[in-house]
Amino acid sequence: MTQEMVLQLAQNAIYTILIVTAPVAGVALVVGLLVSIFQATTQIQEQTLAFVPKIIAVFVAILFFGSWMMRHVLEFTQDLLGNLSQFMG
């Protein structure tokens, strides 16, 4: 296994992680921002108010994007296992 192969494998793994987590992280970011604006506007400083909407939004995002996320992870895994003979000495 050459150094270029290791770097390519690491690059593909990081790219897959970023692509798979981006929709859920984006939804959590937007909902967190909206809750923060709501809290600042109404001056409600309840700590748990920020967590419940984010948890619900992330759950909905996983339900909505779950099959797409799984497809990307499966493509990466199939590519990794398909090229396993190249990785072994």
N, C-alpha and C. Protein backbone atom coordinates (compact mmCIF):
# COMPACT_ATOMS: atom_id res chain seq x y z
N MET A 1 0.86 -1.17 0.00
CA MET A 1 0.00 0.00 0.00
C MET A 1 0.90 1.23 0.00
N THR A 2 0.73 2.06 -1.01
CA THR A 2 1.58 3.22 -1.13
C THR A 2 1.03 4.39 -0.32
N GLN A 3 1.85 5.39 -0.18
CA GLN A 3 1.44 6.58 0.57
C GLN A 3 0.31 7.32 -0.15
N GLU A 4 0.32 7.31 -1.46
CA GLU A 4 -0.73 7.97 -2.22
C GLU A 4 -2.08 7.27 -2.02
N MET A 5 -2.05 5.95 -1.92
CA MET A 5 -3.29 5.20 -1.69
C MET A 5 -3.86 5.52 -0.31
N VAL A 6 -2.98 5.62 0.68
CA VAL A 6 -3.43 5.95 2.04
C VAL A 6 -4.05 7.34 2.06
N LEU A 7 -3.39 8.29 1.41
CA LEU A 7 -3.92 9.65 1.37
C LEU A 7 -5.24 9.72 0.62
N GLN A 8 -5.36 8.98 -0.47
CA GLN A 8 -6.61 8.95 -1.23
C GLN A 8 -7.74 8.32 -0.41
N LEU A 9 -7.42 7.25 0.30
CA LEU A 9 -8.41 6.61 1.16
C LEU A 9 -8.85 7.54 2.28
N ALA A 10 -7.91 8.22 2.90
CA ALA A 10 -8.25 9.17 3.97
C ALA A 10 -9.06 10.33 3.42
N GLN A 11 -8.72 10.81 2.25
CA GLN A 11 -9.46 11.91 1.64
C GLN A 11 -10.90 11.48 1.34
N ASN A 12 -11.07 10.29 0.80
CA ASN A 12 -12.42 9.78 0.51
C ASN A 12 -13.22 9.59 1.79
N ALA A 13 -12.57 9.12 2.86
CA ALA A 13 -13.27 8.92 4.12
C ALA A 13 -13.72 10.25 4.72
N ILE A 14 -12.84 11.25 4.70
CA ILE A 14 -13.20 12.56 5.24
C ILE A 14 -14.30 13.21 4.40
N TYR A 15 -14.20 13.09 3.09
CA TYR A 15 -15.23 13.64 2.21
C TYR A 15 -16.58 12.98 2.49
N THR A 16 -16.58 11.67 2.65
CA THR A 16 -17.83 10.96 2.94
C THR A 16 -18.41 11.40 4.27
N ILE A 17 -17.57 11.55 5.28
CA ILE A 17 -18.05 12.01 6.59
C ILE A 17 -18.67 13.39 6.48
N LEU A 18 -18.00 14.30 5.78
CA LEU A 18 -18.52 15.66 5.65
C LEU A 18 -19.83 15.70 4.87
N ILE A 19 -19.91 14.93 3.79
CA ILE A 19 -21.13 14.91 2.99
C ILE A 19 -22.30 14.31 3.77
N VAL A 20 -22.03 13.26 4.52
CA VAL A 20 -23.10 12.57 5.25
C VAL A 20 -23.60 13.41 6.43
N THR A 21 -22.70 14.09 7.11
CA THR A 21 -23.11 14.85 8.30
C THR A 21 -23.59 16.26 8.00
N ALA A 22 -23.34 16.77 6.80
CA ALA A 22 -23.68 18.15 6.47
C ALA A 22 -25.17 18.47 6.59
N PRO A 23 -26.08 17.66 6.08
CA PRO A 23 -27.50 18.03 6.19
C PRO A 23 -27.99 18.10 7.64
N VAL A 24 -27.60 17.14 8.45
CA VAL A 24 -28.05 17.12 9.83
C VAL A 24 -27.43 18.27 10.62
N ALA A 25 -26.14 18.52 10.39
CA ALA A 25 -25.48 19.63 11.07
C ALA A 25 -26.06 20.97 10.62
N GLY A 26 -26.38 21.08 9.36
CA GLY A 26 -26.99 22.31 8.87
C GLY A 26 -28.36 22.57 9.47
N VAL A 27 -29.16 21.53 9.57
CA VAL A 27 -30.49 21.68 10.20
C VAL A 27 -30.34 22.07 11.66
N ALA A 28 -29.43 21.42 12.37
CA ALA A 28 -29.21 21.76 13.78
C ALA A 28 -28.73 23.20 13.94
N LEU A 29 -27.88 23.64 13.02
CA LEU A 29 -27.37 25.01 13.07
C LEU A 29 -28.49 26.02 12.85
N VAL A 30 -29.32 25.79 11.85
CA VAL A 30 -30.40 26.72 11.55
C VAL A 30 -31.42 26.76 12.68
N VAL A 31 -31.79 25.61 13.21
CA VAL A 31 -32.76 25.57 14.30
C VAL A 31 -32.18 26.23 15.56
N GLY A 32 -30.91 25.97 15.84
CA GLY A 32 -30.26 26.62 16.98
C GLY A 32 -30.23 28.12 16.84
N LEU A 33 -29.96 28.60 15.64
CA LEU A 33 -29.95 30.04 15.40
C LEU A 33 -31.34 30.64 15.58
N LEU A 34 -32.36 29.97 15.05
CA LEU A 34 -33.72 30.46 15.21
C LEU A 34 -34.16 30.47 16.67
N VAL A 35 -33.82 29.45 17.42
CA VAL A 35 -34.16 29.41 18.84
C VAL A 35 -33.43 30.51 19.59
N SER A 36 -32.17 30.75 19.24
CA SER A 36 -31.41 31.81 19.90
C SER A 36 -32.01 33.18 19.62
N ILE A 37 -32.43 33.40 18.37
CA ILE A 37 -33.08 34.68 18.04
C ILE A 37 -34.39 34.81 18.80
N PHE A 38 -35.15 33.72 18.89
CA PHE A 38 -36.40 33.74 19.66
C PHE A 38 -36.14 34.05 21.12
N GLN A 39 -35.11 33.42 21.70
CA GLN A 39 -34.79 33.65 23.10
C GLN A 39 -34.33 35.08 23.33
N ALA A 40 -33.55 35.62 22.43
CA ALA A 40 -33.08 36.99 22.58
C ALA A 40 -34.22 37.99 22.43
N THR A 41 -35.16 37.68 21.53
CA THR A 41 -36.28 38.58 21.31
C THR A 41 -37.24 38.58 22.49
N THR A 42 -37.53 37.43 23.02
CA THR A 42 -38.50 37.33 24.12
C THR A 42 -37.85 37.39 25.49
N GLN A 43 -36.54 37.41 25.54
CA GLN A 43 -35.75 37.43 26.77
C GLN A 43 -36.06 36.23 27.68
N ILE A 44 -36.37 35.11 27.05
CA ILE A 44 -36.53 33.86 27.78
C ILE A 44 -35.17 33.20 27.83
N GLN A 45 -34.65 32.93 29.00
CA GLN A 45 -33.31 32.37 29.14
C GLN A 45 -33.33 30.93 29.66
N GLU A 46 -34.28 30.16 29.20
CA GLU A 46 -34.39 28.77 29.61
C GLU A 46 -33.37 27.94 28.82
N GLN A 47 -32.51 27.22 29.51
CA GLN A 47 -31.46 26.45 28.85
C GLN A 47 -32.00 25.27 28.05
N THR A 48 -33.03 24.62 28.55
CA THR A 48 -33.55 23.45 27.87
C THR A 48 -34.35 23.80 26.63
N LEU A 49 -34.74 25.05 26.49
CA LEU A 49 -35.50 25.47 25.31
C LEU A 49 -34.68 25.32 24.04
N ALA A 50 -33.38 25.41 24.14
CA ALA A 50 -32.53 25.29 22.95
C ALA A 50 -32.36 23.84 22.51
N PHE A 51 -32.44 22.90 23.43
CA PHE A 51 -32.13 21.52 23.10
C PHE A 51 -33.30 20.77 22.48
N VAL A 52 -34.50 20.96 22.99
CA VAL A 52 -35.65 20.18 22.53
C VAL A 52 -35.95 20.42 21.04
N PRO A 53 -36.03 21.68 20.57
CA PRO A 53 -36.27 21.85 19.13
C PRO A 53 -35.15 21.31 18.26
N LYS A 54 -33.90 21.42 18.72
CA LYS A 54 -32.79 20.89 17.94
C LYS A 54 -32.85 19.37 17.85
N ILE A 55 -33.18 18.71 18.95
CA ILE A 55 -33.29 17.26 18.95
C ILE A 55 -34.39 16.81 17.99
N ILE A 56 -35.52 17.49 18.04
CA ILE A 56 -36.63 17.14 17.14
C ILE A 56 -36.25 17.39 15.69
N ALA A 57 -35.60 18.52 15.42
CA ALA A 57 -35.21 18.86 14.05
C ALA A 57 -34.17 17.87 13.51
N VAL A 58 -33.23 17.48 14.35
CA VAL A 58 -32.22 16.50 13.91
C VAL A 58 -32.88 15.16 13.63
N PHE A 59 -33.82 14.76 14.47
CA PHE A 59 -34.53 13.50 14.24
C PHE A 59 -35.29 13.53 12.92
N VAL A 60 -35.96 14.64 12.64
CA VAL A 60 -36.69 14.78 11.38
C VAL A 60 -35.72 14.78 10.20
N ALA A 61 -34.58 15.45 10.36
CA ALA A 61 -33.59 15.48 9.28
C ALA A 61 -33.04 14.09 9.01
N ILE A 62 -32.81 13.32 10.06
CA ILE A 62 -32.33 11.95 9.87
C ILE A 62 -33.39 11.10 9.17
N LEU A 63 -34.66 11.29 9.54
CA LEU A 63 -35.73 10.58 8.84
C LEU A 63 -35.79 10.97 7.37
N PHE A 64 -35.60 12.25 7.08
CA PHE A 64 -35.71 12.74 5.72
C PHE A 64 -34.48 12.39 4.88
N PHE A 65 -33.27 12.58 5.45
CA PHE A 65 -32.03 12.36 4.72
C PHE A 65 -31.40 10.99 4.98
N GLY A 66 -32.02 10.16 5.80
CA GLY A 66 -31.41 8.91 6.22
C GLY A 66 -31.07 7.96 5.08
N SER A 67 -31.98 7.81 4.14
CA SER A 67 -31.70 6.88 3.03
C SER A 67 -30.58 7.41 2.15
N TRP A 68 -30.55 8.72 1.94
CA TRP A 68 -29.48 9.33 1.15
C TRP A 68 -28.13 9.18 1.87
N MET A 69 -28.13 9.38 3.17
CA MET A 69 -26.91 9.24 3.96
C MET A 69 -26.42 7.79 3.92
N MET A 70 -27.33 6.86 4.08
CA MET A 70 -26.97 5.45 4.06
C MET A 70 -26.43 5.04 2.70
N ARG A 71 -26.99 5.58 1.63
CA ARG A 71 -26.52 5.26 0.29
C ARG A 71 -25.07 5.71 0.11
N HIS A 72 -24.73 6.91 0.61
CA HIS A 72 -23.35 7.38 0.49
C HIS A 72 -22.39 6.53 1.31
N VAL A 73 -22.79 6.16 2.51
CA VAL A 73 -21.93 5.33 3.35
C VAL A 73 -21.75 3.95 2.72
N LEU A 74 -22.81 3.39 2.16
CA LEU A 74 -22.71 2.09 1.51
C LEU A 74 -21.83 2.14 0.26
N GLU A 75 -21.92 3.22 -0.51
CA GLU A 75 -21.05 3.36 -1.68
C GLU A 75 -19.58 3.41 -1.26
N PHE A 76 -19.30 4.16 -0.20
CA PHE A 76 -17.92 4.23 0.29
C PHE A 76 -17.44 2.86 0.77
N THR A 77 -18.30 2.16 1.50
CA THR A 77 -17.93 0.86 2.04
C THR A 77 -17.73 -0.16 0.91
N GLN A 78 -18.62 -0.16 -0.06
CA GLN A 78 -18.47 -1.08 -1.19
C GLN A 78 -17.21 -0.79 -1.98
N ASP A 79 -16.88 0.48 -2.16
CA ASP A 79 -15.65 0.84 -2.86
C ASP A 79 -14.44 0.40 -2.05
N LEU A 80 -14.50 0.58 -0.74
CA LEU A 80 -13.39 0.18 0.13
C LEU A 80 -13.19 -1.33 0.11
N LEU A 81 -14.27 -2.07 0.26
CA LEU A 81 -14.16 -3.53 0.27
C LEU A 81 -13.86 -4.09 -1.12
N GLY A 82 -14.34 -3.40 -2.16
CA GLY A 82 -14.05 -3.85 -3.52
C GLY A 82 -12.58 -3.71 -3.88
N ASN A 83 -11.91 -2.73 -3.30
CA ASN A 83 -10.49 -2.50 -3.57
C ASN A 83 -9.60 -3.03 -2.46
N LEU A 84 -10.12 -3.91 -1.65
CA LEU A 84 -9.37 -4.43 -0.51
C LEU A 84 -8.11 -5.18 -0.94
N SER A 85 -8.17 -5.84 -2.07
CA SER A 85 -7.01 -6.58 -2.54
C SER A 85 -5.85 -5.64 -2.88
N GLN A 86 -6.15 -4.41 -3.30
CA GLN A 86 -5.10 -3.44 -3.58
C GLN A 86 -4.43 -2.93 -2.31
N PHE A 87 -5.19 -2.92 -1.22
CA PHE A 87 -4.67 -2.37 0.03
C PHE A 87 -3.77 -3.36 0.76
N MET A 88 -4.01 -4.63 0.52
CA MET A 88 -3.19 -5.65 1.18
C MET A 88 -1.87 -5.83 0.42
N GLY A 89 -0.83 -6.09 1.16
CA GLY A 89 0.50 -6.25 0.57
C GLY A 89 0.57 -7.46 -0.27
